[in-house]
């Protein structure tokens, strides 16, 4: 049963990656009037959600996971995106470096962190309506898990060369932002976002199924790059 669930999650994630790549390639052929690039800092509140841990030779562990983000502890929380605008409509690629640290650890779940990235990668459709920008996106979560379950460790958050990244599942990304024009091509942006994901997280001798709902608040700057239509 667990192998079927893992196969479904990983297949969904791979399909989304393929759709992102194909769509991005198609967008390169479209004549757009403007590009924009935005870089934000910020943080997130994680809603308590179910976490189920499956470890070989042991009964399953089920708990209501309470995560903190530690947004300003290195590696810090960041969010960047690049957008191709056509009038008030656009397509964009967005990358968010979200982080999870489990608060309610115990004697069995001694550590469960995704500190080097609960990385959110999405393709968004965005709209400018009067004073606000709205966006909705679908993508994948790229995780770097570090855990210690029943004294069995997985991952290494202290090693910068530990490349233990995994495509872990699908994610929905929704946001509403308020851009404030500072100069002709430069703006400040304040944005509230939410993300919903279901992921398959690797541990030593097993895996965990994690449902995450987070509310994000980000602020940063953007630059516009104009391009003539072909």
N, C-alpha and C. Protein backbone atom coordinates (compact mmCIF):
# COMPACT_ATOMS: atom_id res chain seq x y z
N UNK A 1 0.84 -1.21 0.00
CA UNK A 1 0.00 0.00 0.00
C UNK A 1 0.87 1.25 0.00
N UNK A 2 1.93 1.25 0.82
CA UNK A 2 2.80 2.42 0.89
C UNK A 2 3.56 2.61 -0.40
N UNK A 3 3.98 1.51 -1.05
CA UNK A 3 4.71 1.66 -2.31
C UNK A 3 3.81 2.24 -3.39
N UNK A 4 2.52 1.89 -3.37
CA UNK A 4 1.58 2.45 -4.34
C UNK A 4 1.41 3.94 -4.09
N UNK A 5 1.29 4.32 -2.81
CA UNK A 5 1.15 5.74 -2.47
C UNK A 5 2.39 6.51 -2.89
N UNK A 6 3.57 5.95 -2.63
CA UNK A 6 4.81 6.60 -3.03
C UNK A 6 4.87 6.76 -4.55
N UNK A 7 4.47 5.71 -5.28
CA UNK A 7 4.49 5.76 -6.74
C UNK A 7 3.56 6.85 -7.25
N UNK A 8 2.37 6.98 -6.65
CA UNK A 8 1.41 8.00 -7.08
C UNK A 8 1.98 9.39 -6.86
N UNK A 9 2.55 9.65 -5.65
CA UNK A 9 3.09 10.96 -5.34
C UNK A 9 4.24 11.32 -6.27
N UNK A 10 5.18 10.37 -6.46
CA UNK A 10 6.33 10.65 -7.31
C UNK A 10 5.93 10.82 -8.77
N UNK A 11 4.93 10.05 -9.22
CA UNK A 11 4.45 10.18 -10.60
C UNK A 11 3.81 11.54 -10.81
N UNK A 12 2.98 11.98 -9.85
CA UNK A 12 2.36 13.30 -9.94
C UNK A 12 3.42 14.39 -10.01
N UNK A 13 4.45 14.27 -9.16
CA UNK A 13 5.51 15.27 -9.15
C UNK A 13 6.25 15.31 -10.49
N UNK A 14 6.53 14.14 -11.06
CA UNK A 14 7.24 14.10 -12.34
C UNK A 14 6.39 14.68 -13.47
N UNK A 15 5.09 14.38 -13.44
CA UNK A 15 4.19 14.94 -14.46
C UNK A 15 4.19 16.46 -14.40
N UNK A 16 4.16 17.01 -13.17
CA UNK A 16 4.16 18.46 -13.00
C UNK A 16 5.46 19.05 -13.51
N UNK A 17 6.60 18.38 -13.24
CA UNK A 17 7.89 18.86 -13.75
C UNK A 17 7.87 18.91 -15.28
N UNK A 18 7.34 17.87 -15.91
CA UNK A 18 7.29 17.83 -17.38
C UNK A 18 6.40 18.95 -17.91
N UNK A 19 5.25 19.16 -17.26
CA UNK A 19 4.35 20.24 -17.68
C UNK A 19 5.02 21.59 -17.55
N UNK A 20 5.76 21.80 -16.44
CA UNK A 20 6.47 23.06 -16.25
C UNK A 20 7.50 23.28 -17.35
N UNK A 21 8.26 22.24 -17.69
CA UNK A 21 9.29 22.38 -18.71
C UNK A 21 8.69 22.64 -20.09
N UNK A 22 7.64 21.89 -20.43
CA UNK A 22 7.01 22.06 -21.74
C UNK A 22 6.37 23.43 -21.85
N UNK A 23 5.67 23.85 -20.79
CA UNK A 23 5.00 25.15 -20.82
C UNK A 23 6.01 26.27 -20.90
N UNK A 24 7.10 26.16 -20.12
CA UNK A 24 8.14 27.19 -20.15
C UNK A 24 8.76 27.29 -21.53
N UNK A 25 8.99 26.16 -22.19
CA UNK A 25 9.56 26.17 -23.53
C UNK A 25 8.60 26.83 -24.52
N UNK A 26 7.31 26.56 -24.36
CA UNK A 26 6.32 27.16 -25.23
C UNK A 26 6.26 28.67 -25.04
N UNK A 27 6.37 29.12 -23.80
CA UNK A 27 6.30 30.55 -23.52
C UNK A 27 7.44 31.33 -24.17
N UNK A 28 8.56 30.67 -24.37
CA UNK A 28 9.69 31.35 -25.00
C UNK A 28 9.38 31.77 -26.44
N UNK A 29 8.35 31.14 -27.03
CA UNK A 29 8.00 31.46 -28.40
C UNK A 29 6.98 32.58 -28.49
N UNK A 30 6.43 32.99 -27.36
CA UNK A 30 5.38 34.00 -27.35
C UNK A 30 5.97 35.40 -27.30
N UNK A 31 5.35 36.31 -28.04
CA UNK A 31 5.79 37.69 -27.99
C UNK A 31 5.21 38.38 -26.76
N UNK A 32 6.06 38.82 -25.86
CA UNK A 32 5.62 39.48 -24.64
C UNK A 32 6.12 40.92 -24.64
N UNK A 33 5.37 41.78 -23.97
CA UNK A 33 5.74 43.19 -23.95
C UNK A 33 6.65 43.54 -22.79
N UNK A 34 6.71 42.69 -21.76
CA UNK A 34 7.50 43.06 -20.59
C UNK A 34 7.91 41.82 -19.79
N UNK A 35 9.15 41.87 -19.28
CA UNK A 35 9.62 40.91 -18.29
C UNK A 35 9.71 41.63 -16.95
N UNK A 36 9.57 40.89 -15.86
CA UNK A 36 9.89 41.46 -14.54
C UNK A 36 10.57 40.40 -13.69
N UNK A 37 11.46 40.86 -12.84
CA UNK A 37 12.15 39.99 -11.89
C UNK A 37 11.94 40.54 -10.49
N UNK A 38 11.55 39.67 -9.54
CA UNK A 38 11.30 40.09 -8.16
C UNK A 38 12.06 39.19 -7.19
N UNK A 39 12.58 39.80 -6.14
CA UNK A 39 13.29 39.07 -5.08
C UNK A 39 12.75 39.53 -3.74
N UNK A 40 12.34 38.55 -2.91
CA UNK A 40 11.71 38.86 -1.62
C UNK A 40 12.41 38.14 -0.48
N UNK A 41 12.28 38.70 0.71
CA UNK A 41 12.52 37.98 1.95
C UNK A 41 11.18 37.87 2.65
N UNK A 42 11.12 37.10 3.73
CA UNK A 42 9.84 36.95 4.41
C UNK A 42 9.85 35.78 5.37
N UNK A 43 8.68 35.24 5.61
CA UNK A 43 8.53 34.13 6.54
C UNK A 43 7.18 33.48 6.35
N UNK A 44 6.91 32.46 7.17
CA UNK A 44 5.67 31.70 7.00
C UNK A 44 5.20 31.13 8.32
N UNK A 45 3.90 30.99 8.43
CA UNK A 45 3.27 30.27 9.54
C UNK A 45 2.75 28.95 9.01
N UNK A 46 3.13 27.85 9.64
CA UNK A 46 2.72 26.52 9.23
C UNK A 46 1.56 26.05 10.10
N UNK A 47 0.44 25.74 9.48
CA UNK A 47 -0.71 25.23 10.19
C UNK A 47 -0.39 23.82 10.71
N UNK A 48 -0.75 23.48 11.96
CA UNK A 48 -0.55 22.10 12.44
C UNK A 48 -1.29 21.11 11.52
N UNK A 49 -0.55 20.13 11.01
CA UNK A 49 -1.10 19.17 10.05
C UNK A 49 -0.58 17.77 10.36
N UNK A 50 -1.26 16.73 9.83
CA UNK A 50 -0.86 15.35 10.13
C UNK A 50 0.50 14.98 9.52
N UNK A 51 1.29 14.26 10.31
CA UNK A 51 2.56 13.69 9.87
C UNK A 51 2.55 12.21 10.25
N UNK A 52 2.76 11.34 9.27
CA UNK A 52 2.81 9.89 9.51
C UNK A 52 4.17 9.37 9.11
N UNK A 53 4.84 8.69 10.03
CA UNK A 53 6.19 8.18 9.79
C UNK A 53 6.15 6.66 9.72
N UNK A 54 6.68 6.13 8.62
CA UNK A 54 6.74 4.68 8.38
C UNK A 54 8.22 4.28 8.42
N UNK A 55 8.59 3.45 9.40
CA UNK A 55 9.97 2.99 9.52
C UNK A 55 9.99 1.48 9.63
N UNK A 56 10.85 0.87 8.81
CA UNK A 56 10.89 -0.58 8.70
C UNK A 56 11.17 -1.22 10.06
N UNK A 57 10.33 -2.21 10.42
CA UNK A 57 10.50 -2.95 11.66
C UNK A 57 9.86 -2.32 12.87
N UNK A 58 9.17 -1.17 12.69
CA UNK A 58 8.54 -0.47 13.81
C UNK A 58 7.10 -0.11 13.46
N UNK A 59 6.27 0.07 14.47
CA UNK A 59 4.91 0.57 14.19
C UNK A 59 4.96 2.01 13.70
N UNK A 60 3.94 2.39 12.95
CA UNK A 60 3.88 3.75 12.42
C UNK A 60 3.73 4.78 13.55
N UNK A 61 4.29 5.95 13.31
CA UNK A 61 4.13 7.07 14.23
C UNK A 61 3.21 8.09 13.58
N UNK A 62 2.16 8.48 14.29
CA UNK A 62 1.24 9.50 13.78
C UNK A 62 1.18 10.64 14.78
N UNK A 63 1.36 11.84 14.29
CA UNK A 63 1.28 13.01 15.16
C UNK A 63 0.78 14.20 14.38
N UNK A 64 0.28 15.20 15.11
CA UNK A 64 -0.10 16.47 14.53
C UNK A 64 1.13 17.37 14.58
N UNK A 65 1.78 17.54 13.43
CA UNK A 65 3.07 18.22 13.38
C UNK A 65 2.91 19.73 13.51
N UNK A 66 3.72 20.31 14.37
CA UNK A 66 3.76 21.76 14.52
C UNK A 66 5.18 22.22 14.13
N UNK A 67 5.26 22.92 13.02
CA UNK A 67 6.55 23.35 12.48
C UNK A 67 6.75 24.85 12.68
N UNK A 68 7.99 25.23 12.91
CA UNK A 68 8.40 26.64 12.84
C UNK A 68 9.25 26.81 11.58
N UNK A 69 9.48 28.06 11.18
CA UNK A 69 10.19 28.32 9.93
C UNK A 69 11.61 28.83 10.13
N UNK A 70 11.86 29.62 11.20
CA UNK A 70 13.18 30.23 11.42
C UNK A 70 13.66 30.94 10.15
N UNK A 71 12.84 31.88 9.69
CA UNK A 71 13.05 32.51 8.38
C UNK A 71 14.39 33.21 8.25
N UNK A 72 14.91 33.76 9.35
CA UNK A 72 16.14 34.56 9.26
C UNK A 72 17.37 33.83 9.80
N UNK A 73 17.22 32.52 10.06
CA UNK A 73 18.36 31.68 10.41
C UNK A 73 18.92 31.06 9.13
N UNK A 74 20.23 31.23 8.86
CA UNK A 74 20.80 30.65 7.63
C UNK A 74 20.58 29.15 7.57
N UNK A 75 20.24 28.63 6.39
CA UNK A 75 19.94 29.35 5.15
C UNK A 75 18.59 30.04 5.24
N UNK A 76 18.54 31.33 4.93
CA UNK A 76 17.35 32.14 5.16
C UNK A 76 16.24 31.82 4.17
N UNK A 77 15.03 32.23 4.56
CA UNK A 77 13.87 32.13 3.68
C UNK A 77 14.02 33.17 2.57
N UNK A 78 13.77 32.76 1.31
CA UNK A 78 13.76 33.70 0.20
C UNK A 78 12.72 33.28 -0.82
N UNK A 79 12.39 34.22 -1.69
CA UNK A 79 11.41 33.98 -2.75
C UNK A 79 11.79 34.83 -3.95
N UNK A 80 11.96 34.20 -5.12
CA UNK A 80 12.21 34.98 -6.33
C UNK A 80 11.35 34.44 -7.46
N UNK A 81 11.11 35.31 -8.42
CA UNK A 81 10.34 34.88 -9.58
C UNK A 81 10.65 35.77 -10.78
N UNK A 82 10.44 35.19 -11.95
CA UNK A 82 10.60 35.93 -13.20
C UNK A 82 9.29 35.77 -13.98
N UNK A 83 8.79 36.90 -14.50
CA UNK A 83 7.46 36.94 -15.11
C UNK A 83 7.54 37.52 -16.51
N UNK A 84 6.75 36.97 -17.41
CA UNK A 84 6.56 37.52 -18.76
C UNK A 84 5.14 38.06 -18.83
N UNK A 85 5.02 39.37 -18.99
CA UNK A 85 3.72 40.05 -18.99
C UNK A 85 3.26 40.35 -20.41
N UNK A 86 1.97 40.18 -20.63
CA UNK A 86 1.30 40.64 -21.84
C UNK A 86 0.10 41.45 -21.39
N UNK A 87 0.25 42.78 -21.44
CA UNK A 87 -0.74 43.68 -20.86
C UNK A 87 -0.86 43.39 -19.36
N UNK A 88 -2.04 43.01 -18.88
CA UNK A 88 -2.23 42.77 -17.45
C UNK A 88 -2.26 41.29 -17.09
N UNK A 89 -1.78 40.45 -17.99
CA UNK A 89 -1.75 39.01 -17.74
C UNK A 89 -0.31 38.52 -17.89
N UNK A 90 0.04 37.50 -17.13
CA UNK A 90 1.41 37.01 -17.22
C UNK A 90 1.55 35.55 -16.83
N UNK A 91 2.67 34.97 -17.24
CA UNK A 91 3.10 33.65 -16.79
C UNK A 91 4.44 33.82 -16.10
N UNK A 92 4.66 33.05 -15.04
CA UNK A 92 5.90 33.23 -14.29
C UNK A 92 6.38 31.92 -13.68
N UNK A 93 7.68 31.87 -13.49
CA UNK A 93 8.29 30.79 -12.71
C UNK A 93 8.68 31.37 -11.35
N UNK A 94 8.31 30.67 -10.28
CA UNK A 94 8.61 31.14 -8.93
C UNK A 94 9.32 30.05 -8.13
N UNK A 95 10.30 30.46 -7.34
CA UNK A 95 11.03 29.56 -6.45
C UNK A 95 11.02 30.15 -5.04
N UNK A 96 10.57 29.35 -4.08
CA UNK A 96 10.48 29.77 -2.68
C UNK A 96 11.30 28.82 -1.82
N UNK A 97 12.22 29.38 -1.05
CA UNK A 97 13.01 28.57 -0.12
C UNK A 97 12.32 28.60 1.25
N UNK A 98 11.34 27.71 1.40
CA UNK A 98 10.61 27.54 2.66
C UNK A 98 11.39 26.55 3.53
N UNK A 99 11.19 26.60 4.84
CA UNK A 99 11.91 25.70 5.75
C UNK A 99 10.96 25.19 6.84
N UNK A 100 11.21 23.97 7.29
CA UNK A 100 10.39 23.36 8.33
C UNK A 100 11.27 22.78 9.43
N UNK A 101 10.95 23.14 10.68
CA UNK A 101 11.61 22.57 11.86
C UNK A 101 10.51 22.07 12.80
N UNK A 102 10.52 20.78 13.10
CA UNK A 102 9.47 20.22 13.95
C UNK A 102 9.64 20.67 15.40
N UNK A 103 8.59 21.27 15.95
CA UNK A 103 8.61 21.72 17.35
C UNK A 103 8.35 20.59 18.33
N UNK A 104 7.34 19.77 18.05
CA UNK A 104 6.91 18.76 19.03
C UNK A 104 7.63 17.43 18.82
N UNK A 105 8.96 17.46 18.99
CA UNK A 105 9.76 16.23 18.97
C UNK A 105 9.54 15.46 20.26
N UNK A 106 9.94 14.18 20.26
CA UNK A 106 9.81 13.35 21.46
C UNK A 106 10.92 12.31 21.46
N UNK A 107 10.78 11.28 22.27
CA UNK A 107 11.84 10.27 22.40
C UNK A 107 12.01 9.44 21.13
N UNK A 108 10.95 9.33 20.32
CA UNK A 108 11.06 8.58 19.06
C UNK A 108 11.39 9.50 17.89
N UNK A 109 10.68 10.58 17.76
CA UNK A 109 10.94 11.56 16.70
C UNK A 109 11.84 12.63 17.30
N UNK A 110 13.14 12.36 17.25
CA UNK A 110 14.11 13.25 17.93
C UNK A 110 14.43 14.48 17.10
N UNK A 111 14.33 14.38 15.79
CA UNK A 111 14.53 15.52 14.90
C UNK A 111 13.81 15.24 13.60
N UNK A 112 13.11 16.25 13.09
CA UNK A 112 12.48 16.14 11.78
C UNK A 112 12.47 17.54 11.18
N UNK A 113 13.53 17.85 10.42
CA UNK A 113 13.70 19.18 9.83
C UNK A 113 13.84 19.07 8.32
N UNK A 114 13.42 20.13 7.64
CA UNK A 114 13.68 20.28 6.21
C UNK A 114 14.21 21.69 6.06
N UNK A 115 15.43 21.90 6.59
CA UNK A 115 15.96 23.25 6.78
C UNK A 115 16.73 23.77 5.57
N UNK A 116 17.31 22.88 4.77
CA UNK A 116 18.01 23.33 3.58
C UNK A 116 17.07 23.37 2.39
N UNK A 117 15.82 23.38 2.71
CA UNK A 117 14.84 23.64 1.68
C UNK A 117 13.67 22.70 1.64
N UNK A 118 12.50 23.24 2.02
CA UNK A 118 11.21 22.72 1.57
C UNK A 118 10.91 23.62 0.37
N UNK A 119 11.69 23.37 -0.70
CA UNK A 119 11.75 24.30 -1.83
C UNK A 119 10.52 24.17 -2.72
N UNK A 120 9.84 25.30 -2.94
CA UNK A 120 8.61 25.33 -3.72
C UNK A 120 8.93 25.88 -5.11
N UNK A 121 8.67 25.09 -6.13
CA UNK A 121 8.93 25.48 -7.52
C UNK A 121 7.62 25.41 -8.28
N UNK A 122 7.12 26.56 -8.75
CA UNK A 122 5.81 26.58 -9.39
C UNK A 122 5.80 27.41 -10.67
N UNK A 123 4.90 27.04 -11.55
CA UNK A 123 4.55 27.85 -12.70
C UNK A 123 3.23 28.53 -12.38
N UNK A 124 3.22 29.87 -12.41
CA UNK A 124 2.05 30.64 -11.98
C UNK A 124 1.40 31.35 -13.16
N UNK A 125 0.09 31.53 -13.03
CA UNK A 125 -0.65 32.45 -13.89
C UNK A 125 -0.97 33.67 -13.03
N UNK A 126 -0.64 34.86 -13.52
CA UNK A 126 -0.82 36.06 -12.72
C UNK A 126 -1.64 37.11 -13.46
N UNK A 127 -2.31 37.94 -12.66
CA UNK A 127 -3.22 38.95 -13.19
C UNK A 127 -3.02 40.26 -12.44
N UNK A 128 -2.99 41.36 -13.16
CA UNK A 128 -2.98 42.69 -12.56
C UNK A 128 -4.39 43.25 -12.66
N UNK A 129 -5.03 43.47 -11.51
CA UNK A 129 -6.38 44.02 -11.46
C UNK A 129 -6.36 45.25 -10.56
N UNK A 130 -6.45 46.44 -11.17
CA UNK A 130 -6.41 47.69 -10.45
C UNK A 130 -5.14 47.79 -9.60
N UNK A 131 -5.28 47.78 -8.27
CA UNK A 131 -4.14 48.03 -7.40
C UNK A 131 -3.38 46.77 -7.01
N UNK A 132 -3.92 45.59 -7.32
CA UNK A 132 -3.35 44.35 -6.81
C UNK A 132 -2.99 43.39 -7.93
N UNK A 133 -2.07 42.48 -7.60
CA UNK A 133 -1.72 41.38 -8.49
C UNK A 133 -2.11 40.06 -7.84
N UNK A 134 -2.79 39.23 -8.60
CA UNK A 134 -3.23 37.93 -8.13
C UNK A 134 -2.49 36.85 -8.89
N UNK A 135 -2.15 35.76 -8.21
CA UNK A 135 -1.46 34.67 -8.88
C UNK A 135 -1.87 33.33 -8.28
N UNK A 136 -1.89 32.34 -9.13
CA UNK A 136 -2.13 30.97 -8.70
C UNK A 136 -1.19 30.07 -9.49
N UNK A 137 -0.57 29.12 -8.81
CA UNK A 137 0.43 28.28 -9.47
C UNK A 137 0.39 26.84 -8.99
N UNK A 138 0.92 25.99 -9.82
CA UNK A 138 1.04 24.56 -9.51
C UNK A 138 2.47 24.15 -9.76
N UNK A 139 3.01 23.29 -8.89
CA UNK A 139 4.39 22.86 -9.07
C UNK A 139 4.77 21.70 -8.20
N UNK A 140 6.04 21.64 -7.85
CA UNK A 140 6.58 20.53 -7.08
C UNK A 140 7.36 21.06 -5.88
N UNK A 141 7.54 20.19 -4.90
CA UNK A 141 8.37 20.49 -3.73
C UNK A 141 9.67 19.70 -3.85
N UNK A 142 10.78 20.42 -3.74
CA UNK A 142 12.11 19.81 -3.75
C UNK A 142 12.65 19.90 -2.32
N UNK A 143 12.82 18.77 -1.65
CA UNK A 143 13.16 18.78 -0.22
C UNK A 143 14.58 18.31 0.04
N UNK A 144 15.11 18.81 1.15
CA UNK A 144 16.39 18.35 1.69
C UNK A 144 16.12 17.96 3.15
N UNK A 145 15.66 16.72 3.39
CA UNK A 145 15.27 16.33 4.75
C UNK A 145 16.44 15.96 5.63
N UNK A 146 16.32 16.33 6.90
CA UNK A 146 17.28 15.90 7.94
C UNK A 146 16.45 15.41 9.13
N UNK A 147 16.66 14.16 9.51
CA UNK A 147 15.83 13.60 10.58
C UNK A 147 16.63 12.64 11.46
N UNK A 148 16.08 12.42 12.64
CA UNK A 148 16.60 11.40 13.55
C UNK A 148 15.39 10.74 14.19
N UNK A 149 15.08 9.54 13.69
CA UNK A 149 13.92 8.79 14.14
C UNK A 149 14.39 7.52 14.83
N UNK A 150 14.06 7.39 16.12
CA UNK A 150 14.49 6.22 16.90
C UNK A 150 16.00 6.01 16.79
N UNK A 151 16.75 7.12 16.92
CA UNK A 151 18.21 7.14 16.88
C UNK A 151 18.80 6.83 15.51
N UNK A 152 17.97 6.78 14.47
CA UNK A 152 18.45 6.54 13.11
C UNK A 152 18.43 7.87 12.35
N UNK A 153 19.60 8.34 11.93
CA UNK A 153 19.71 9.65 11.31
C UNK A 153 19.66 9.56 9.79
N UNK A 154 19.17 10.66 9.20
CA UNK A 154 19.12 10.78 7.75
C UNK A 154 19.40 12.23 7.38
N UNK A 155 20.29 12.45 6.38
CA UNK A 155 20.61 13.80 5.94
C UNK A 155 21.61 14.47 6.85
N UNK A 156 22.16 15.58 6.35
CA UNK A 156 23.18 16.31 7.10
C UNK A 156 23.04 17.79 6.81
N UNK A 157 22.45 18.54 7.75
CA UNK A 157 22.23 19.96 7.55
C UNK A 157 23.49 20.80 7.75
N UNK A 158 24.55 20.20 8.33
CA UNK A 158 25.78 20.95 8.59
C UNK A 158 26.78 20.85 7.44
N UNK A 159 26.49 19.97 6.46
CA UNK A 159 27.39 19.77 5.34
C UNK A 159 26.85 20.48 4.11
N UNK A 160 27.50 21.56 3.68
CA UNK A 160 27.03 22.34 2.54
C UNK A 160 27.10 21.54 1.24
N UNK A 161 27.88 20.48 1.23
CA UNK A 161 28.02 19.67 0.02
C UNK A 161 27.11 18.45 0.02
N UNK A 162 26.27 18.33 1.03
CA UNK A 162 25.30 17.23 1.07
C UNK A 162 24.19 17.54 0.07
N UNK A 163 24.20 16.84 -1.05
CA UNK A 163 23.24 17.12 -2.12
C UNK A 163 22.04 16.18 -2.06
N UNK A 164 21.55 15.93 -0.86
CA UNK A 164 20.42 15.02 -0.69
C UNK A 164 19.09 15.69 -0.94
N UNK A 165 18.83 16.09 -2.21
CA UNK A 165 17.59 16.73 -2.59
C UNK A 165 16.69 15.74 -3.33
N UNK A 166 15.38 15.82 -3.05
CA UNK A 166 14.43 14.88 -3.62
C UNK A 166 13.18 15.62 -4.09
N UNK A 167 12.67 15.24 -5.27
CA UNK A 167 11.34 15.70 -5.68
C UNK A 167 10.33 14.93 -4.84
N UNK A 168 9.56 15.65 -4.03
CA UNK A 168 8.81 14.99 -2.97
C UNK A 168 7.30 15.02 -3.12
N UNK A 169 6.77 15.86 -4.03
CA UNK A 169 5.32 15.88 -4.19
C UNK A 169 4.81 17.16 -4.80
N UNK A 170 3.50 17.23 -5.07
CA UNK A 170 2.90 18.40 -5.70
C UNK A 170 2.55 19.49 -4.70
N UNK A 171 2.40 20.73 -5.21
CA UNK A 171 2.05 21.85 -4.35
C UNK A 171 1.22 22.87 -5.12
N UNK A 172 0.30 23.50 -4.40
CA UNK A 172 -0.51 24.60 -4.92
C UNK A 172 -0.05 25.89 -4.26
N UNK A 173 0.14 26.95 -5.05
CA UNK A 173 0.67 28.23 -4.58
C UNK A 173 -0.30 29.34 -4.99
N UNK A 174 -0.80 30.10 -4.01
CA UNK A 174 -1.75 31.18 -4.28
C UNK A 174 -1.25 32.45 -3.59
N UNK A 175 -1.37 33.61 -4.27
CA UNK A 175 -0.89 34.84 -3.66
C UNK A 175 -1.64 36.07 -4.13
N UNK A 176 -1.60 37.10 -3.31
CA UNK A 176 -2.11 38.42 -3.68
C UNK A 176 -1.08 39.45 -3.23
N UNK A 177 -0.66 40.29 -4.16
CA UNK A 177 0.41 41.24 -3.87
C UNK A 177 0.02 42.66 -4.20
N UNK A 178 0.71 43.59 -3.56
CA UNK A 178 0.49 45.01 -3.77
C UNK A 178 1.81 45.65 -4.21
N UNK A 179 2.01 45.85 -5.53
CA UNK A 179 3.23 46.53 -6.00
C UNK A 179 3.11 48.04 -5.82
N UNK A 180 4.19 48.65 -5.39
CA UNK A 180 4.25 50.11 -5.20
C UNK A 180 5.38 50.63 -6.07
N UNK A 181 5.03 51.45 -7.06
CA UNK A 181 6.01 51.94 -8.01
C UNK A 181 6.94 52.96 -7.33
N UNK A 182 8.25 52.72 -7.40
CA UNK A 182 9.24 53.62 -6.83
C UNK A 182 9.89 54.48 -7.90
N UNK A 183 10.28 53.85 -9.00
CA UNK A 183 10.86 54.53 -10.14
C UNK A 183 10.20 53.97 -11.40
N UNK A 184 10.66 54.40 -12.54
CA UNK A 184 10.03 53.99 -13.79
C UNK A 184 10.00 52.47 -13.94
N UNK A 185 11.10 51.79 -13.61
CA UNK A 185 11.17 50.34 -13.81
C UNK A 185 11.40 49.57 -12.51
N UNK A 186 11.29 50.24 -11.39
CA UNK A 186 11.56 49.60 -10.09
C UNK A 186 10.33 49.75 -9.19
N UNK A 187 9.96 48.66 -8.52
CA UNK A 187 8.83 48.72 -7.61
C UNK A 187 9.12 47.92 -6.34
N UNK A 188 8.42 48.28 -5.28
CA UNK A 188 8.42 47.52 -4.03
C UNK A 188 7.17 46.66 -4.01
N UNK A 189 7.29 45.44 -3.49
CA UNK A 189 6.15 44.53 -3.48
C UNK A 189 5.93 43.94 -2.10
N UNK A 190 4.69 43.97 -1.64
CA UNK A 190 4.27 43.32 -0.40
C UNK A 190 3.21 42.29 -0.77
N UNK A 191 3.39 41.06 -0.29
CA UNK A 191 2.53 39.98 -0.77
C UNK A 191 2.20 38.97 0.33
N UNK A 192 0.94 38.55 0.35
CA UNK A 192 0.48 37.46 1.20
C UNK A 192 0.25 36.24 0.31
N UNK A 193 0.72 35.07 0.80
CA UNK A 193 0.65 33.86 -0.01
C UNK A 193 0.17 32.70 0.86
N UNK A 194 -0.30 31.66 0.20
CA UNK A 194 -0.58 30.40 0.88
C UNK A 194 -0.13 29.26 -0.01
N UNK A 195 0.31 28.17 0.63
CA UNK A 195 0.74 26.99 -0.12
C UNK A 195 0.16 25.74 0.54
N UNK A 196 -0.20 24.79 -0.30
CA UNK A 196 -0.77 23.52 0.17
C UNK A 196 -0.04 22.39 -0.55
N UNK A 197 0.51 21.45 0.21
CA UNK A 197 1.28 20.37 -0.42
C UNK A 197 1.07 19.05 0.31
N UNK A 198 1.35 17.97 -0.43
CA UNK A 198 1.38 16.62 0.15
C UNK A 198 2.65 15.96 -0.33
N UNK A 199 3.53 15.59 0.61
CA UNK A 199 4.87 15.15 0.22
C UNK A 199 5.25 13.80 0.84
N UNK A 200 6.17 13.16 0.15
CA UNK A 200 6.78 11.89 0.57
C UNK A 200 8.22 12.21 0.95
N UNK A 201 8.53 12.13 2.25
CA UNK A 201 9.83 12.56 2.78
C UNK A 201 10.64 11.33 3.20
N UNK A 202 11.84 11.21 2.67
CA UNK A 202 12.69 10.06 2.99
C UNK A 202 13.28 10.19 4.40
N UNK A 203 13.34 9.06 5.11
CA UNK A 203 14.03 8.95 6.39
C UNK A 203 14.89 7.70 6.36
N UNK A 204 15.66 7.47 7.40
CA UNK A 204 16.47 6.25 7.51
C UNK A 204 15.54 5.06 7.69
N UNK A 205 15.63 4.08 6.76
CA UNK A 205 14.82 2.86 6.78
C UNK A 205 13.32 3.15 6.65
N UNK A 206 12.97 4.18 5.87
CA UNK A 206 11.55 4.42 5.69
C UNK A 206 11.25 5.76 5.06
N UNK A 207 10.05 6.24 5.35
CA UNK A 207 9.62 7.52 4.80
C UNK A 207 8.54 8.11 5.68
N UNK A 208 8.24 9.37 5.42
CA UNK A 208 7.15 10.05 6.12
C UNK A 208 6.22 10.67 5.09
N UNK A 209 4.94 10.69 5.40
CA UNK A 209 3.95 11.38 4.59
C UNK A 209 3.55 12.66 5.31
N UNK A 210 3.76 13.79 4.65
CA UNK A 210 3.55 15.08 5.29
C UNK A 210 2.60 15.93 4.47
N UNK A 211 1.54 16.40 5.12
CA UNK A 211 0.61 17.36 4.54
C UNK A 211 0.93 18.70 5.16
N UNK A 212 1.29 19.68 4.31
CA UNK A 212 1.69 20.99 4.82
C UNK A 212 0.81 22.09 4.25
N UNK A 213 0.32 22.94 5.15
CA UNK A 213 -0.42 24.14 4.77
C UNK A 213 0.30 25.32 5.43
N UNK A 214 0.70 26.31 4.64
CA UNK A 214 1.46 27.43 5.18
C UNK A 214 0.92 28.75 4.63
N UNK A 215 1.00 29.77 5.47
CA UNK A 215 0.66 31.13 5.08
C UNK A 215 1.95 31.96 5.12
N UNK A 216 2.27 32.60 4.00
CA UNK A 216 3.52 33.32 3.83
C UNK A 216 3.26 34.82 3.73
N UNK A 217 4.20 35.59 4.23
CA UNK A 217 4.20 37.04 4.03
C UNK A 217 5.59 37.43 3.56
N UNK A 218 5.66 38.06 2.38
CA UNK A 218 6.95 38.39 1.80
C UNK A 218 6.96 39.86 1.38
N UNK A 219 8.16 40.43 1.33
CA UNK A 219 8.35 41.80 0.88
C UNK A 219 9.67 41.89 0.14
N UNK A 220 9.70 42.69 -0.91
CA UNK A 220 10.94 42.82 -1.67
C UNK A 220 10.80 43.80 -2.81
N UNK A 221 11.73 43.72 -3.75
CA UNK A 221 11.79 44.67 -4.85
C UNK A 221 11.74 43.95 -6.19
N UNK A 222 11.23 44.66 -7.18
CA UNK A 222 11.14 44.12 -8.52
C UNK A 222 11.66 45.10 -9.55
N UNK A 223 12.13 44.56 -10.66
CA UNK A 223 12.65 45.36 -11.77
C UNK A 223 11.97 44.91 -13.06
N UNK A 224 11.54 45.87 -13.88
CA UNK A 224 10.91 45.57 -15.15
C UNK A 224 11.91 45.69 -16.30
N UNK A 225 11.79 44.77 -17.25
CA UNK A 225 12.62 44.80 -18.46
C UNK A 225 11.69 44.74 -19.66
N UNK A 226 11.65 45.81 -20.42
CA UNK A 226 10.71 45.90 -21.54
C UNK A 226 11.28 45.26 -22.79
N UNK A 227 10.37 44.66 -23.56
CA UNK A 227 10.74 43.97 -24.78
C UNK A 227 9.70 44.28 -25.84
N UNK A 228 10.14 44.57 -27.05
CA UNK A 228 9.21 44.87 -28.13
C UNK A 228 8.58 43.57 -28.64
N UNK A 229 7.34 43.69 -29.11
CA UNK A 229 6.68 42.56 -29.74
C UNK A 229 7.35 42.25 -31.08
N UNK A 230 7.43 40.98 -31.46
CA UNK A 230 8.03 40.65 -32.75
C UNK A 230 7.11 41.06 -33.90
